[in-house]
Amino acid sequence: MLLIFAGCIAFMGATVIVKNQEVQIREKKDELATLKSQNAILEAELAEQVDLEYIKQEAINRLGMAEPQPYQIVYIDVPKDSYTIQYAADEVVEEEPSFIASILNLFKKSSGDMSR
């Protein structure tokens, strides 16, 4: 009886830990969504403020720059196949499940079998 009681206490403690982590994850996801929307707004404002004609006039008048002459333009062939390897930025790193997580998985599996 004491063993069952201790097991129930351990299970409830593990459940509390998991729920707290779920709340933290949800808060971080909400924060990320807010930051992404703010970033999109700032990018839109920046795009509106960029005036290419103004930049061109400043380059010509203040910096003394000029458009390239036809004899100054050199074209190069870029191969279609690139030797650069790109990795996904959001790769998921799978970790070994903790002892508590493996116990919770066993309880979930056994309760799922009982409900059938």
PDB file of N, CA and C in Angstrom:
ATOM      1  N   MET A   1       0.818  -1.188   0.000  1.00  0.00           N
ATOM      2  CA  MET A   1       0.000   0.000   0.000  1.00  0.00           C
ATOM      3  C   MET A   1       0.867   1.260   0.000  1.00  0.00           C
ATOM      4  N   LEU A   2       1.940   1.186   0.799  1.00  0.00           N
ATOM      5  CA  LEU A   2       2.859   2.318   0.884  1.00  0.00           C
ATOM      6  C   LEU A   2       3.558   2.540  -0.457  1.00  0.00           C
ATOM      7  N   LEU A   3       3.875   1.483  -1.160  1.00  0.00           N
ATOM      8  CA  LEU A   3       4.518   1.582  -2.468  1.00  0.00           C
ATOM      9  C   LEU A   3       3.583   2.253  -3.484  1.00  0.00           C
ATOM     10  N   ILE A   4       2.312   1.910  -3.467  1.00  0.00           N
ATOM     11  CA  ILE A   4       1.344   2.521  -4.370  1.00  0.00           C
ATOM     12  C   ILE A   4       1.193   4.012  -4.051  1.00  0.00           C
ATOM     13  N   PHE A   5       1.137   4.343  -2.749  1.00  0.00           N
ATOM     14  CA  PHE A   5       1.027   5.739  -2.336  1.00  0.00           C
ATOM     15  C   PHE A   5       2.242   6.543  -2.810  1.00  0.00           C
ATOM     16  N   ALA A   6       3.441   5.983  -2.639  1.00  0.00           N
ATOM     17  CA  ALA A   6       4.663   6.673  -3.075  1.00  0.00           C
ATOM     18  C   ALA A   6       4.671   6.844  -4.594  1.00  0.00           C
ATOM     19  N   GLY A   7       4.186   5.856  -5.291  1.00  0.00           N
ATOM     20  CA  GLY A   7       4.112   5.945  -6.747  1.00  0.00           C
ATOM     21  C   GLY A   7       3.151   7.031  -7.194  1.00  0.00           C
ATOM     22  N   CYS A   8       2.019   7.138  -6.511  1.00  0.00           N
ATOM     23  CA  CYS A   8       1.045   8.189  -6.837  1.00  0.00           C
ATOM     24  C   CYS A   8       1.626   9.571  -6.579  1.00  0.00           C
ATOM     25  N   ILE A   9       2.326   9.730  -5.453  1.00  0.00           N
ATOM     26  CA  ILE A   9       2.958  11.012  -5.136  1.00  0.00           C
ATOM     27  C   ILE A   9       3.994  11.363  -6.202  1.00  0.00           C
ATOM     28  N   ALA A  10       4.812  10.399  -6.633  1.00  0.00           N
ATOM     29  CA  ALA A  10       5.827  10.641  -7.666  1.00  0.00           C
ATOM     30  C   ALA A  10       5.158  11.018  -8.987  1.00  0.00           C
ATOM     31  N   PHE A  11       4.072  10.341  -9.312  1.00  0.00           N
ATOM     32  CA  PHE A  11       3.357  10.639 -10.550  1.00  0.00           C
ATOM     33  C   PHE A  11       2.764  12.045 -10.517  1.00  0.00           C
ATOM     34  N   MET A  12       2.179  12.423  -9.405  1.00  0.00           N
ATOM     35  CA  MET A  12       1.605  13.770  -9.293  1.00  0.00           C
ATOM     36  C   MET A  12       2.700  14.834  -9.376  1.00  0.00           C
ATOM     37  N   GLY A  13       3.847  14.583  -8.765  1.00  0.00           N
ATOM     38  CA  GLY A  13       4.961  15.536  -8.839  1.00  0.00           C
ATOM     39  C   GLY A  13       5.452  15.695 -10.263  1.00  0.00           C
ATOM     40  N   ALA A  14       5.562  14.573 -10.968  1.00  0.00           N
ATOM     41  CA  ALA A  14       6.016  14.624 -12.355  1.00  0.00           C
ATOM     42  C   ALA A  14       4.997  15.355 -13.230  1.00  0.00           C
ATOM     43  N   THR A  15       3.717  15.151 -12.956  1.00  0.00           N
ATOM     44  CA  THR A  15       2.669  15.828 -13.714  1.00  0.00           C
ATOM     45  C   THR A  15       2.737  17.339 -13.512  1.00  0.00           C
ATOM     46  N   VAL A  16       2.993  17.755 -12.275  1.00  0.00           N
ATOM     47  CA  VAL A  16       3.120  19.187 -11.987  1.00  0.00           C
ATOM     48  C   VAL A  16       4.295  19.780 -12.749  1.00  0.00           C
ATOM     49  N   ILE A  17       5.415  19.082 -12.785  1.00  0.00           N
ATOM     50  CA  ILE A  17       6.600  19.564 -13.506  1.00  0.00           C
ATOM     51  C   ILE A  17       6.296  19.711 -14.992  1.00  0.00           C
ATOM     52  N   VAL A  18       5.632  18.718 -15.565  1.00  0.00           N
ATOM     53  CA  VAL A  18       5.302  18.749 -16.986  1.00  0.00           C
ATOM     54  C   VAL A  18       4.346  19.901 -17.291  1.00  0.00           C
ATOM     55  N   LYS A  19       3.342  20.095 -16.453  1.00  0.00           N
ATOM     56  CA  LYS A  19       2.381  21.187 -16.683  1.00  0.00           C
ATOM     57  C   LYS A  19       3.066  22.544 -16.587  1.00  0.00           C
ATOM     58  N   ASN A  20       3.974  22.708 -15.629  1.00  0.00           N
ATOM     59  CA  ASN A  20       4.712  23.972 -15.516  1.00  0.00           C
ATOM     60  C   ASN A  20       5.540  24.235 -16.773  1.00  0.00           C
ATOM     61  N   GLN A  21       6.171  23.202 -17.291  1.00  0.00           N
ATOM     62  CA  GLN A  21       6.958  23.367 -18.515  1.00  0.00           C
ATOM     63  C   GLN A  21       6.067  23.687 -19.699  1.00  0.00           C
ATOM     64  N   GLU A  22       4.877  23.099 -19.768  1.00  0.00           N
ATOM     65  CA  GLU A  22       3.947  23.415 -20.854  1.00  0.00           C
ATOM     66  C   GLU A  22       3.513  24.875 -20.793  1.00  0.00           C
ATOM     67  N   VAL A  23       3.278  25.382 -19.589  1.00  0.00           N
ATOM     68  CA  VAL A  23       2.898  26.787 -19.428  1.00  0.00           C
ATOM     69  C   VAL A  23       4.038  27.687 -19.882  1.00  0.00           C
ATOM     70  N   GLN A  24       5.269  27.351 -19.491  1.00  0.00           N
ATOM     71  CA  GLN A  24       6.427  28.152 -19.902  1.00  0.00           C
ATOM     72  C   GLN A  24       6.596  28.134 -21.416  1.00  0.00           C
ATOM     73  N   ILE A  25       6.406  26.989 -22.028  1.00  0.00           N
ATOM     74  CA  ILE A  25       6.524  26.881 -23.487  1.00  0.00           C
ATOM     75  C   ILE A  25       5.453  27.730 -24.160  1.00  0.00           C
ATOM     76  N   ARG A  26       4.225  27.676 -23.659  1.00  0.00           N
ATOM     77  CA  ARG A  26       3.148  28.465 -24.233  1.00  0.00           C
ATOM     78  C   ARG A  26       3.448  29.963 -24.113  1.00  0.00           C
ATOM     79  N   GLU A  27       3.991  30.386 -22.952  1.00  0.00           N
ATOM     80  CA  GLU A  27       4.345  31.790 -22.775  1.00  0.00           C
ATOM     81  C   GLU A  27       5.435  32.210 -23.756  1.00  0.00           C
ATOM     82  N   LYS A  28       6.443  31.365 -23.938  1.00  0.00           N
ATOM     83  CA  LYS A  28       7.532  31.682 -24.874  1.00  0.00           C
ATOM     84  C   LYS A  28       7.026  31.730 -26.309  1.00  0.00           C
ATOM     85  N   LYS A  29       6.096  30.844 -26.663  1.00  0.00           N
ATOM     86  CA  LYS A  29       5.533  30.870 -28.014  1.00  0.00           C
ATOM     87  C   LYS A  29       4.737  32.152 -28.250  1.00  0.00           C
ATOM     88  N   ASP A  30       3.975  32.570 -27.234  1.00  0.00           N
ATOM     89  CA  ASP A  30       3.235  33.829 -27.355  1.00  0.00           C
ATOM     90  C   ASP A  30       4.192  35.005 -27.507  1.00  0.00           C
ATOM     91  N   GLU A  31       5.267  34.983 -26.726  1.00  0.00           N
ATOM     92  CA  GLU A  31       6.267  36.057 -26.816  1.00  0.00           C
ATOM     93  C   GLU A  31       6.924  36.066 -28.193  1.00  0.00           C
ATOM     94  N   LEU A  32       7.216  34.885 -28.720  1.00  0.00           N
ATOM     95  CA  LEU A  32       7.819  34.780 -30.046  1.00  0.00           C
ATOM     96  C   LEU A  32       6.872  35.320 -31.116  1.00  0.00           C
ATOM     97  N   ALA A  33       5.593  34.998 -31.008  1.00  0.00           N
ATOM     98  CA  ALA A  33       4.621  35.491 -31.985  1.00  0.00           C
ATOM     99  C   ALA A  33       4.531  37.016 -31.926  1.00  0.00           C
ATOM    100  N   THR A  34       4.558  37.574 -30.725  1.00  0.00           N
ATOM    101  CA  THR A  34       4.523  39.027 -30.574  1.00  0.00           C
ATOM    102  C   THR A  34       5.756  39.665 -31.200  1.00  0.00           C
ATOM    103  N   LEU A  35       6.924  39.088 -30.937  1.00  0.00           N
ATOM    104  CA  LEU A  35       8.157  39.634 -31.495  1.00  0.00           C
ATOM    105  C   LEU A  35       8.187  39.522 -33.016  1.00  0.00           C
ATOM    106  N   LYS A  36       7.659  38.429 -33.547  1.00  0.00           N
ATOM    107  CA  LYS A  36       7.618  38.277 -35.009  1.00  0.00           C
ATOM    108  C   LYS A  36       6.712  39.320 -35.643  1.00  0.00           C
ATOM    109  N   SER A  37       5.568  39.592 -35.010  1.00  0.00           N
ATOM    110  CA  SER A  37       4.672  40.596 -35.576  1.00  0.00           C
ATOM    111  C   SER A  37       5.293  41.990 -35.479  1.00  0.00           C
ATOM    112  N   GLN A  38       5.983  42.286 -34.373  1.00  0.00           N
ATOM    113  CA  GLN A  38       6.676  43.561 -34.258  1.00  0.00           C
ATOM    114  C   GLN A  38       7.772  43.684 -35.310  1.00  0.00           C
ATOM    115  N   ASN A  39       8.468  42.589 -35.552  1.00  0.00           N
ATOM    116  CA  ASN A  39       9.528  42.581 -36.559  1.00  0.00           C
ATOM    117  C   ASN A  39       8.955  42.842 -37.949  1.00  0.00           C
ATOM    118  N   ALA A  40       7.821  42.239 -38.257  1.00  0.00           N
ATOM    119  CA  ALA A  40       7.187  42.458 -39.563  1.00  0.00           C
ATOM    120  C   ALA A  40       6.757  43.916 -39.716  1.00  0.00           C
ATOM    121  N   ILE A  41       6.239  44.500 -38.645  1.00  0.00           N
ATOM    122  CA  ILE A  41       5.828  45.901 -38.691  1.00  0.00           C
ATOM    123  C   ILE A  41       7.040  46.805 -38.925  1.00  0.00           C
ATOM    124  N   LEU A  42       8.129  46.539 -38.213  1.00  0.00           N
ATOM    125  CA  LEU A  42       9.342  47.346 -38.375  1.00  0.00           C
ATOM    126  C   LEU A  42       9.941  47.201 -39.767  1.00  0.00           C
ATOM    127  N   GLU A  43       9.902  45.990 -40.320  1.00  0.00           N
ATOM    128  CA  GLU A  43      10.420  45.782 -41.677  1.00  0.00           C
ATOM    129  C   GLU A  43       9.565  46.549 -42.692  1.00  0.00           C
ATOM    130  N   ALA A  44       8.259  46.570 -42.491  1.00  0.00           N
ATOM    131  CA  ALA A  44       7.376  47.311 -43.401  1.00  0.00           C
ATOM    132  C   ALA A  44       7.654  48.811 -43.306  1.00  0.00           C
ATOM    133  N   GLU A  45       7.845  49.312 -42.088  1.00  0.00           N
ATOM    134  CA  GLU A  45       8.169  50.736 -41.924  1.00  0.00           C
ATOM    135  C   GLU A  45       9.501  51.074 -42.577  1.00  0.00           C
ATOM    136  N   LEU A  46      10.479  50.200 -42.430  1.00  0.00           N
ATOM    137  CA  LEU A  46      11.787  50.429 -43.037  1.00  0.00           C
ATOM    138  C   LEU A  46      11.684  50.437 -44.555  1.00  0.00           C
ATOM    139  N   ALA A  47      10.909  49.506 -45.111  1.00  0.00           N
ATOM    140  CA  ALA A  47      10.747  49.445 -46.566  1.00  0.00           C
ATOM    141  C   ALA A  47      10.071  50.702 -47.097  1.00  0.00           C
ATOM    142  N   GLU A  48       9.146  51.258 -46.318  1.00  0.00           N
ATOM    143  CA  GLU A  48       8.471  52.482 -46.745  1.00  0.00           C
ATOM    144  C   GLU A  48       9.413  53.677 -46.718  1.00  0.00           C
ATOM    145  N   GLN A  49      10.372  53.668 -45.816  1.00  0.00           N
ATOM    146  CA  GLN A  49      11.258  54.816 -45.650  1.00  0.00           C
ATOM    147  C   GLN A  49      12.418  54.834 -46.642  1.00  0.00           C
ATOM    148  N   VAL A  50      12.684  53.714 -47.288  1.00  0.00           N
ATOM    149  CA  VAL A  50      13.785  53.656 -48.240  1.00  0.00           C
ATOM    150  C   VAL A  50      13.331  54.291 -49.549  1.00  0.00           C
ATOM    151  N   ASP A  51      13.992  55.382 -49.915  1.00  0.00           N
ATOM    152  CA  ASP A  51      13.679  56.090 -51.152  1.00  0.00           C
ATOM    153  C   ASP A  51      14.881  55.937 -52.084  1.00  0.00           C
ATOM    154  N   LEU A  52      14.752  55.060 -53.077  1.00  0.00           N
ATOM    155  CA  LEU A  52      15.875  54.767 -53.959  1.00  0.00           C
ATOM    156  C   LEU A  52      16.305  55.979 -54.775  1.00  0.00           C
ATOM    157  N   GLU A  53      15.369  56.820 -55.142  1.00  0.00           N
ATOM    158  CA  GLU A  53      15.724  58.009 -55.910  1.00  0.00           C
ATOM    159  C   GLU A  53      16.576  58.955 -55.066  1.00  0.00           C
ATOM    160  N   TYR A  54      16.229  59.105 -53.798  1.00  0.00           N
ATOM    161  CA  TYR A  54      17.018  59.946 -52.890  1.00  0.00           C
ATOM    162  C   TYR A  54      18.431  59.386 -52.732  1.00  0.00           C
ATOM    163  N   ILE A  55      18.523  58.074 -52.593  1.00  0.00           N
ATOM    164  CA  ILE A  55      19.842  57.433 -52.453  1.00  0.00           C
ATOM    165  C   ILE A  55      20.668  57.648 -53.714  1.00  0.00           C
ATOM    166  N   LYS A  56      20.046  57.526 -54.874  1.00  0.00           N
ATOM    167  CA  LYS A  56      20.761  57.727 -56.132  1.00  0.00           C
ATOM    168  C   LYS A  56      21.265  59.172 -56.246  1.00  0.00           C
ATOM    169  N   GLN A  57      20.427  60.143 -55.898  1.00  0.00           N
ATOM    170  CA  GLN A  57      20.840  61.541 -55.980  1.00  0.00           C
ATOM    171  C   GLN A  57      21.981  61.847 -55.000  1.00  0.00           C
ATOM    172  N   GLU A  58      21.920  61.286 -53.805  1.00  0.00           N
ATOM    173  CA  GLU A  58      22.999  61.488 -52.825  1.00  0.00           C
ATOM    174  C   GLU A  58      24.303  60.877 -53.342  1.00  0.00           C
ATOM    175  N   ALA A  59      24.209  59.686 -53.937  1.00  0.00           N
ATOM    176  CA  ALA A  59      25.407  59.035 -54.460  1.00  0.00           C
ATOM    177  C   ALA A  59      26.029  59.854 -55.581  1.00  0.00           C
ATOM    178  N   ILE A  60      25.202  60.418 -56.450  1.00  0.00           N
ATOM    179  CA  ILE A  60      25.717  61.201 -57.576  1.00  0.00           C
ATOM    180  C   ILE A  60      26.241  62.553 -57.103  1.00  0.00           C
ATOM    181  N   ASN A  61      25.431  63.291 -56.338  1.00  0.00           N
ATOM    182  CA  ASN A  61      25.779  64.663 -55.961  1.00  0.00           C
ATOM    183  C   ASN A  61      26.806  64.743 -54.833  1.00  0.00           C
ATOM    184  N   ARG A  62      26.562  64.034 -53.756  1.00  0.00           N
ATOM    185  CA  ARG A  62      27.427  64.184 -52.589  1.00  0.00           C
ATOM    186  C   ARG A  62      28.674  63.319 -52.666  1.00  0.00           C
ATOM    187  N   LEU A  63      28.546  62.105 -53.208  1.00  0.00           N
ATOM    188  CA  LEU A  63      29.680  61.187 -53.243  1.00  0.00           C
ATOM    189  C   LEU A  63      30.397  61.161 -54.581  1.00  0.00           C
ATOM    190  N   GLY A  64      29.837  61.803 -55.588  1.00  0.00           N
ATOM    191  CA  GLY A  64      30.494  61.862 -56.892  1.00  0.00           C
ATOM    192  C   GLY A  64      30.489  60.545 -57.642  1.00  0.00           C
ATOM    193  N   MET A  65      29.538  59.705 -57.368  1.00  0.00           N
ATOM    194  CA  MET A  65      29.468  58.407 -58.049  1.00  0.00           C
ATOM    195  C   MET A  65      28.759  58.580 -59.388  1.00  0.00           C
ATOM    196  N   ALA A  66      28.933  57.593 -60.282  1.00  0.00           N
ATOM    197  CA  ALA A  66      28.283  57.636 -61.588  1.00  0.00           C
ATOM    198  C   ALA A  66      27.888  56.223 -61.990  1.00  0.00           C
ATOM    199  N   GLU A  67      26.940  56.136 -62.902  1.00  0.00           N
ATOM    200  CA  GLU A  67      26.533  54.836 -63.442  1.00  0.00           C
ATOM    201  C   GLU A  67      27.717  54.233 -64.197  1.00  0.00           C
ATOM    202  N   PRO A  68      27.878  52.916 -64.179  1.00  0.00           N
ATOM    203  CA  PRO A  68      28.979  52.310 -64.924  1.00  0.00           C
ATOM    204  C   PRO A  68      28.771  52.442 -66.432  1.00  0.00           C
ATOM    205  N   GLN A  69      29.854  52.617 -67.144  1.00  0.00           N
ATOM    206  CA  GLN A  69      29.811  52.681 -68.601  1.00  0.00           C
ATOM    207  C   GLN A  69      29.729  51.258 -69.148  1.00  0.00           C
ATOM    208  N   PRO A  70      29.236  51.098 -70.371  1.00  0.00           N
ATOM    209  CA  PRO A  70      29.092  49.745 -70.919  1.00  0.00           C
ATOM    210  C   PRO A  70      30.403  48.953 -70.942  1.00  0.00           C
ATOM    211  N   TYR A  71      31.535  49.618 -71.143  1.00  0.00           N
ATOM    212  CA  TYR A  71      32.804  48.890 -71.188  1.00  0.00           C
ATOM    213  C   TYR A  71      33.272  48.486 -69.780  1.00  0.00           C
ATOM    214  N   GLN A  72      32.652  49.026 -68.726  1.00  0.00           N
ATOM    215  CA  GLN A  72      33.026  48.685 -67.362  1.00  0.00           C
ATOM    216  C   GLN A  72      32.232  47.498 -66.804  1.00  0.00           C
ATOM    217  N   ILE A  73      31.242  47.074 -67.531  1.00  0.00           N
ATOM    218  CA  ILE A  73      30.392  45.982 -67.047  1.00  0.00           C
ATOM    219  C   ILE A  73      30.967  44.656 -67.509  1.00  0.00           C
ATOM    220  N   VAL A  74      31.157  43.741 -66.560  1.00  0.00           N
ATOM    221  CA  VAL A  74      31.672  42.407 -66.855  1.00  0.00           C
ATOM    222  C   VAL A  74      30.648  41.392 -66.362  1.00  0.00           C
ATOM    223  N   TYR A  75      30.272  40.485 -67.230  1.00  0.00           N
ATOM    224  CA  TYR A  75      29.314  39.445 -66.876  1.00  0.00           C
ATOM    225  C   TYR A  75      30.073  38.174 -66.548  1.00  0.00           C
ATOM    226  N   ILE A  76      29.614  37.457 -65.554  1.00  0.00           N
ATOM    227  CA  ILE A  76      30.225  36.181 -65.189  1.00  0.00           C
ATOM    228  C   ILE A  76      29.156  35.105 -65.196  1.00  0.00           C
ATOM    229  N   ASP A  77      29.588  33.866 -65.456  1.00  0.00           N
ATOM    230  CA  ASP A  77      28.669  32.732 -65.412  1.00  0.00           C
ATOM    231  C   ASP A  77      28.738  32.115 -64.023  1.00  0.00           C
ATOM    232  N   VAL A  78      27.584  31.960 -63.417  1.00  0.00           N
ATOM    233  CA  VAL A  78      27.495  31.336 -62.106  1.00  0.00           C
ATOM    234  C   VAL A  78      26.898  29.953 -62.308  1.00  0.00           C
ATOM    235  N   PRO A  79      27.583  28.908 -61.841  1.00  0.00           N
ATOM    236  CA  PRO A  79      27.035  27.556 -62.031  1.00  0.00           C
ATOM    237  C   PRO A  79      25.724  27.389 -61.264  1.00  0.00           C
ATOM    238  N   LYS A  80      24.840  26.572 -61.840  1.00  0.00           N
ATOM    239  CA  LYS A  80      23.557  26.329 -61.183  1.00  0.00           C
ATOM    240  C   LYS A  80      23.737  25.497 -59.920  1.00  0.00           C
ATOM    241  N   ASP A  81      24.682  24.549 -59.959  1.00  0.00           N
ATOM    242  CA  ASP A  81      24.943  23.723 -58.786  1.00  0.00           C
ATOM    243  C   ASP A  81      25.923  24.450 -57.893  1.00  0.00           C
ATOM    244  N   SER A  82      25.563  24.546 -56.645  1.00  0.00           N
ATOM    245  CA  SER A  82      26.424  25.217 -55.688  1.00  0.00           C
ATOM    246  C   SER A  82      27.044  24.171 -54.776  1.00  0.00           C
ATOM    247  N   TYR A  83      28.232  24.443 -54.327  1.00  0.00           N
ATOM    248  CA  TYR A  83      28.912  23.522 -53.435  1.00  0.00           C
ATOM    249  C   TYR A  83      28.628  23.854 -51.972  1.00  0.00           C
ATOM    250  N   THR A  84      27.812  24.838 -51.770  1.00  0.00           N
ATOM    251  CA  THR A  84      27.464  25.232 -50.416  1.00  0.00           C
ATOM    252  C   THR A  84      26.365  24.322 -49.892  1.00  0.00           C
ATOM    253  N   ILE A  85      26.528  23.845 -48.690  1.00  0.00           N
ATOM    254  CA  ILE A  85      25.516  23.001 -48.064  1.00  0.00           C
ATOM    255  C   ILE A  85      24.751  23.872 -47.079  1.00  0.00           C
ATOM    256  N   GLN A  86      23.458  23.865 -47.213  1.00  0.00           N
ATOM    257  CA  GLN A  86      22.636  24.658 -46.318  1.00  0.00           C
ATOM    258  C   GLN A  86      21.922  23.727 -45.357  1.00  0.00           C
ATOM    259  N   TYR A  87      21.931  24.115 -44.116  1.00  0.00           N
ATOM    260  CA  TYR A  87      21.251  23.347 -43.089  1.00  0.00           C
ATOM    261  C   TYR A  87      20.016  24.109 -42.636  1.00  0.00           C
ATOM    262  N   ALA A  88      18.998  23.388 -42.248  1.00  0.00           N
ATOM    263  CA  ALA A  88      17.777  24.021 -41.756  1.00  0.00           C
ATOM    264  C   ALA A  88      18.081  24.714 -40.435  1.00  0.00           C
ATOM    265  N   ALA A  89      17.574  25.923 -40.293  1.00  0.00           N
ATOM    266  CA  ALA A  89      17.841  26.694 -39.077  1.00  0.00           C
ATOM    267  C   ALA A  89      17.080  26.141 -37.888  1.00  0.00           C
ATOM    268  N   ASP A  90      15.987  25.475 -38.145  1.00  0.00           N
ATOM    269  CA  ASP A  90      15.173  25.000 -37.046  1.00  0.00           C
ATOM    270  C   ASP A  90      15.253  23.480 -36.902  1.00  0.00           C
ATOM    271  N   GLU A  91      16.481  22.940 -36.991  1.00  0.00           N
ATOM    272  CA  GLU A  91      16.643  21.512 -36.801  1.00  0.00           C
ATOM    273  C   GLU A  91      16.274  21.152 -35.378  1.00  0.00           C
ATOM    274  N   VAL A  92      15.589  20.050 -35.244  1.00  0.00           N
ATOM    275  CA  VAL A  92      15.180  19.605 -33.924  1.00  0.00           C
ATOM    276  C   VAL A  92      16.230  18.638 -33.399  1.00  0.00           C
ATOM    277  N   VAL A  93      16.737  18.951 -32.229  1.00  0.00           N
ATOM    278  CA  VAL A  93      17.725  18.083 -31.597  1.00  0.00           C
ATOM    279  C   VAL A  93      16.979  17.158 -30.670  1.00  0.00           C
ATOM    280  N   GLU A  94      17.046  15.877 -30.985  1.00  0.00           N
ATOM    281  CA  GLU A  94      16.340  14.921 -30.153  1.00  0.00           C
ATOM    282  C   GLU A  94      17.230  14.551 -28.981  1.00  0.00           C
ATOM    283  N   GLU A  95      16.653  14.653 -27.793  1.00  0.00           N
ATOM    284  CA  GLU A  95      17.377  14.338 -26.582  1.00  0.00           C
ATOM    285  C   GLU A  95      16.880  13.014 -26.026  1.00  0.00           C
ATOM    286  N   GLU A  96      17.708  12.414 -25.211  1.00  0.00           N
ATOM    287  CA  GLU A  96      17.287  11.212 -24.528  1.00  0.00           C
ATOM    288  C   GLU A  96      16.194  11.602 -23.545  1.00  0.00           C
ATOM    289  N   PRO A  97      15.120  10.832 -23.479  1.00  0.00           N
ATOM    290  CA  PRO A  97      14.073  11.179 -22.526  1.00  0.00           C
ATOM    291  C   PRO A  97      14.577  10.993 -21.095  1.00  0.00           C
ATOM    292  N   SER A  98      14.148  11.880 -20.208  1.00  0.00           N
ATOM    293  CA  SER A  98      14.568  11.776 -18.820  1.00  0.00           C
ATOM    294  C   SER A  98      13.866  10.597 -18.172  1.00  0.00           C
ATOM    295  N   PHE A  99      14.330  10.268 -16.989  1.00  0.00           N
ATOM    296  CA  PHE A  99      13.754   9.141 -16.255  1.00  0.00           C
ATOM    297  C   PHE A  99      12.278   9.380 -15.982  1.00  0.00           C
ATOM    298  N   ILE A 100      11.955  10.608 -15.577  1.00  0.00           N
ATOM    299  CA  ILE A 100      10.563  10.929 -15.269  1.00  0.00           C
ATOM    300  C   ILE A 100       9.715  10.878 -16.529  1.00  0.00           C
ATOM    301  N   ALA A 101      10.259  11.396 -17.648  1.00  0.00           N
ATOM    302  CA  ALA A 101       9.510  11.377 -18.900  1.00  0.00           C
ATOM    303  C   ALA A 101       9.246   9.948 -19.357  1.00  0.00           C
ATOM    304  N   SER A 102      10.219   9.060 -19.181  1.00  0.00           N
ATOM    305  CA  SER A 102      10.005   7.672 -19.592  1.00  0.00           C
ATOM    306  C   SER A 102       8.962   6.996 -18.713  1.00  0.00           C
ATOM    307  N   ILE A 103       8.938   7.354 -17.426  1.00  0.00           N
ATOM    308  CA  ILE A 103       7.916   6.792 -16.538  1.00  0.00           C
ATOM    309  C   ILE A 103       6.533   7.305 -16.943  1.00  0.00           C
ATOM    310  N   LEU A 104       6.456   8.620 -17.264  1.00  0.00           N
ATOM    311  CA  LEU A 104       5.179   9.183 -17.697  1.00  0.00           C
ATOM    312  C   LEU A 104       4.692   8.522 -18.978  1.00  0.00           C
ATOM    313  N   ASN A 105       5.615   8.260 -19.894  1.00  0.00           N
ATOM    314  CA  ASN A 105       5.232   7.593 -21.141  1.00  0.00           C
ATOM    315  C   ASN A 105       4.678   6.201 -20.872  1.00  0.00           C
ATOM    316  N   LEU A 106       5.278   5.492 -19.915  1.00  0.00           N
ATOM    317  CA  LEU A 106       4.778   4.165 -19.568  1.00  0.00           C
ATOM    318  C   LEU A 106       3.360   4.261 -19.003  1.00  0.00           C
ATOM    319  N   PHE A 107       3.130   5.265 -18.125  1.00  0.00           N
ATOM    320  CA  PHE A 107       1.791   5.434 -17.569  1.00  0.00           C
ATOM    321  C   PHE A 107       0.791   5.793 -18.651  1.00  0.00           C
ATOM    322  N   LYS A 108       1.187   6.650 -19.592  1.00  0.00           N
ATOM    323  CA  LYS A 108       0.281   7.043 -20.662  1.00  0.00           C
ATOM    324  C   LYS A 108      -0.081   5.850 -21.535  1.00  0.00           C
ATOM    325  N   LYS A 109       0.947   5.037 -21.854  1.00  0.00           N
ATOM    326  CA  LYS A 109       0.692   3.862 -22.683  1.00  0.00           C
ATOM    327  C   LYS A 109      -0.227   2.875 -21.976  1.00  0.00           C
ATOM    328  N   SER A 110       0.034   2.662 -20.679  1.00  0.00           N
ATOM    329  CA  SER A 110      -0.789   1.694 -19.957  1.00  0.00           C
ATOM    330  C   SER A 110      -2.206   2.201 -19.766  1.00  0.00           C
ATOM    331  N   SER A 111      -2.386   3.512 -19.546  1.00  0.00           N
ATOM    332  CA  SER A 111      -3.746   4.033 -19.407  1.00  0.00           C
ATOM    333  C   SER A 111      -4.475   4.014 -20.745  1.00  0.00           C
ATOM    334  N   GLY A 112      -3.749   4.170 -21.846  1.00  0.00           N
ATOM    335  CA  GLY A 112      -4.356   4.093 -23.169  1.00  0.00           C
ATOM    336  C   GLY A 112      -4.816   2.690 -23.492  1.00  0.00           C
ATOM    337  N   ASP A 113      -4.050   1.690 -23.032  1.00  0.00           N
ATOM    338  CA  ASP A 113      -4.443   0.289 -23.254  1.00  0.00           C
ATOM    339  C   ASP A 113      -5.676  -0.068 -22.433  1.00  0.00           C
ATOM    340  N   MET A 114      -5.793   0.523 -21.230  1.00  0.00           N
ATOM    341  CA  MET A 114      -6.918   0.215 -20.376  1.00  0.00           C
ATOM    342  C   MET A 114      -8.217   0.823 -20.901  1.00  0.00           C
ATOM    343  N   SER A 115      -8.116   1.962 -21.606  1.00  0.00           N
ATOM    344  CA  SER A 115      -9.315   2.625 -22.099  1.00  0.00           C
ATOM    345  C   SER A 115      -9.921   1.913 -23.294  1.00  0.00           C
ATOM    346  N   ARG A 116      -9.197   1.028 -23.898  1.00  0.00           N
ATOM    347  CA  ARG A 116      -9.707   0.297 -25.072  1.00  0.00           C
ATOM    348  C   ARG A 116     -10.582  -0.782 -24.672  1.00  0.00           C
TER     349      ARG A 116
END
